């Protein structure tokens, strides 16, 4: 059986869906080292407020796709090479 799923890239999401996608991304914050050598975490919801393009790039480079509610669905997508 084949099923068609409508998938959205991050920048196509509406406001509430964007919020949901950011909350999912925040479950995997970015680690960085501050000037004092301490490891810190930066959350995508904080980055989004300053640099939307960075969040879009991150999602594109990782192949993240979302449903219309902002829930990740990229793990559901398969092609002829990656059949489930």
Protein backbone atom coordinates (compact mmCIF):
# COMPACT_ATOMS: atom_id res chain seq x y z
CA UNK A 1 0.00 0.00 0.00
CA UNK A 2 1.25 3.49 -0.84
CA UNK A 3 0.28 6.52 1.19
CA UNK A 4 0.81 10.14 0.22
CA UNK A 5 1.85 12.52 2.98
CA UNK A 6 1.97 16.30 2.56
CA UNK A 7 5.31 17.41 3.98
CA UNK A 8 6.48 20.96 4.63
CA UNK A 9 9.94 22.44 4.97
CA UNK A 10 10.45 24.70 7.98
CA UNK A 11 9.89 28.02 6.21
CA UNK A 12 6.51 26.87 4.85
CA UNK A 13 5.04 26.36 8.32
CA UNK A 14 2.38 28.66 9.77
CA UNK A 15 3.00 30.42 13.10
CA UNK A 16 1.63 27.75 15.48
CA UNK A 17 3.32 24.99 13.49
CA UNK A 18 6.61 26.92 13.56
CA UNK A 19 6.34 27.07 17.35
CA UNK A 20 5.82 23.29 17.52
CA UNK A 21 8.77 22.65 15.22
CA UNK A 22 11.00 24.91 17.34
CA UNK A 23 9.96 23.07 20.51
CA UNK A 24 10.98 19.79 18.84
CA UNK A 25 14.30 21.29 17.71
CA UNK A 26 14.90 22.56 21.26
CA UNK A 27 15.00 18.93 22.43
CA UNK A 28 18.41 18.80 20.70
CA UNK A 29 20.12 22.13 21.54
CA UNK A 30 23.46 23.09 20.04
CA UNK A 31 26.52 22.80 22.28
CA UNK A 32 29.16 25.52 22.09
CA UNK A 33 32.11 26.71 24.11
CA UNK A 34 32.03 30.22 25.57
CA UNK A 35 35.06 32.52 25.92
CA UNK A 36 35.90 30.98 29.30
CA UNK A 37 35.98 27.43 27.91
CA UNK A 38 32.65 26.45 29.45
CA UNK A 39 30.29 24.27 27.44
CA UNK A 40 26.93 25.96 26.95
CA UNK A 41 23.76 25.11 25.05
CA UNK A 42 21.88 27.28 22.62
CA UNK A 43 18.26 26.55 21.78
CA UNK A 44 16.74 26.91 18.33
CA UNK A 45 13.85 28.98 19.71
CA UNK A 46 16.44 31.53 20.89
CA UNK A 47 18.34 31.40 17.59
CA UNK A 48 15.08 31.85 15.64
CA UNK A 49 14.47 35.21 17.33
CA UNK A 50 17.83 36.46 16.01
CA UNK A 51 18.60 34.43 12.87
CA UNK A 52 15.68 32.71 11.13
CA UNK A 53 17.91 31.84 8.17
CA UNK A 54 20.18 29.73 10.42
CA UNK A 55 17.24 27.63 11.64
CA UNK A 56 16.01 27.16 8.06
CA UNK A 57 19.51 26.12 6.95
CA UNK A 58 19.81 23.67 9.85
CA UNK A 59 16.51 22.02 8.95
CA UNK A 60 17.37 21.87 5.24
CA UNK A 61 20.83 20.42 5.80
CA UNK A 62 19.41 17.72 8.07
CA UNK A 63 16.50 16.90 5.76
CA UNK A 64 13.85 17.75 8.36
CA UNK A 65 10.29 17.75 7.08
CA UNK A 66 7.15 18.56 9.05
CA UNK A 67 3.42 18.05 8.87
CA UNK A 68 1.09 21.06 8.88
CA UNK A 69 1.16 21.10 12.69
CA UNK A 70 4.96 21.33 12.87
CA UNK A 71 5.52 17.73 13.92
CA UNK A 72 8.59 16.08 12.37
CA UNK A 73 7.76 13.52 9.70
CA UNK A 74 11.04 13.18 7.79
CA UNK A 75 11.52 9.74 9.37
CA UNK A 76 8.34 8.57 7.59
CA UNK A 77 9.60 9.44 4.12
CA UNK A 78 11.16 6.71 2.04
CA UNK A 79 12.14 6.38 -1.57
CA UNK A 80 12.91 3.35 -3.72
CA UNK A 81 16.39 3.14 -2.19
CA UNK A 82 15.20 3.30 1.42
CA UNK A 83 12.12 1.09 1.57
CA UNK A 84 10.78 0.34 5.00
